[in-house]
Amino acid sequence: MTLMPTQQRTDDVHAFVHTTLTRQGSTDGPLADLSFVAKDMFAIDGHTSSFGHPIWRSTHEPSQSTAPAIERLLEAGARLEGLTKMDQLAYSLIGDAGEGSAPINSHDPELFCGGSSSGSASAVAADMVDVGLGTDTAGSIRVPAAVCGLHGLRPTHGAIDSRGALPLASTFDAVGLMSKSADAIARAFRVLAPAESEPAAVESILLATDVFADCEDDAKGAGSAVAAALAESSGAALQRTSLASFTSPEVGDLFARLQSREIWSTHGSWVAQHREHLAPDVRERLQRCEDLDGDAQDIKAADMAARAAYVDELVELVGPGTIVVLPVLPRRGPLRTWEDVDLKQFRRESFCLSAPSSLSGLPQAVFSWFDSDLDRSIGIGLLGARGADRQLLDALLRLEASVGQGVGSPG
């Protein structure tokens, strides 16, 4: 493959880091017609990742190898068009706490792009590339996809090789994809996580009506429409289910405690030396990470046991052949005009909705449902059984075919 040097790049949507670079893939691979961007936390030989902050870049050496996920896409012919901005240390769901100007959301310019894979979502939403490569710990693929009118996939934990991607909390980190095209995500995923087996048939669609009840009416309507369309296209039975116990504030706080301790274990030493340079909200959360790291061992053990019980109960509900339809966002947001208190509330609520997939490692896709009355898309989550990534991708393809080709248009 041809290696191209680091270059200065400007763009109208502020998606790229100023040290971005490009790579040309092979000329005859199965993805030779696709272009992609990567969140600036993936290792590329000779490049120093920003991890969302110039101080991180200045305190780390260039990578000596390239992340396997990047290598596989390039070997399959996809073109790397650049490295994209992200929230500091990948620790935000808003898209406003990264390096330089916050990326622009071309789908809904009044909103931030969502984080922490904000730049990747911005570039895809602006039609600069076909696919955005990012990571998702607590929603960092799912939230930007939903906010920017894109399809997305947080696969089963570990399905895509995460080596060479800087960790936030490795127990929860997953490499994922975003695109306006379900087919592009499916093709890229087949390269990143090859498997011989075909997806199992969908037998049951569960609509989480109680969770949608706490969301805006637009999301309720979109959720019902997606569930009905998926049931019809797959021939599966449609049922209502209760998921509120899996997305409650108590669950969100359990998730936050577990994630926080991992974050401090991984990055505490660096943060202790550079915390004054971090955004106030990131610094505030990292202080909680440090505090929680000091909890007694019996408290930590109780939280680990609570997670295990949570996962067992969720896996029993979401078995093979089952897809749960649930909201990704509680409401339209995050608005660029919101005060800090509003952004924090949006993050807390979105964090709870992300918890089932993040805590359990089950895969979750995002289908971008276009609402012609609103002239914008609403992201709806599809939660599947462990290892059912291709089943979810098949569901995205069925939905895209049944409601019209293209995201952000009525078809």
Foldseek 3Di string as FASTA:
>chain_A
DDFWAFAQDDDPFQWADRRKGKDWADCDAPCQVFEEEEAQQFADAPDQGQQQHVVSSVVDGHDRHGAPLVVLCRPRNYIHPIYTWFAHNQPFQAQCHGPDGGGAQPQDRQFGLTGGSRSRLSCQLVVVGFKYKYKDQLQRFPSSCQQNQKKKKQAQQPQFRCPRGDDQQNLQMGIMMIGQDLVVRVVSSCSRRPDDDAFDAAAEEEEQQVQLVLADPVSNVLLVVLSVLLCVLRVHYYYYDHCCVQLDLVLLVLSLLNSLLRNCVRCVVVCVVPVVVGDPVVSVSNVVSVVSVPDDPVVVVVSVVVLVVSLVVVLVVFDRSYKYKHAQFRYNHDGPPDDPVVSVVRRSNNSSRSRVCRSNSWMKMWAWDADPVVLGTGTMIITHHRPNRNVVSVSNVSSCVRQDPGTSDRD
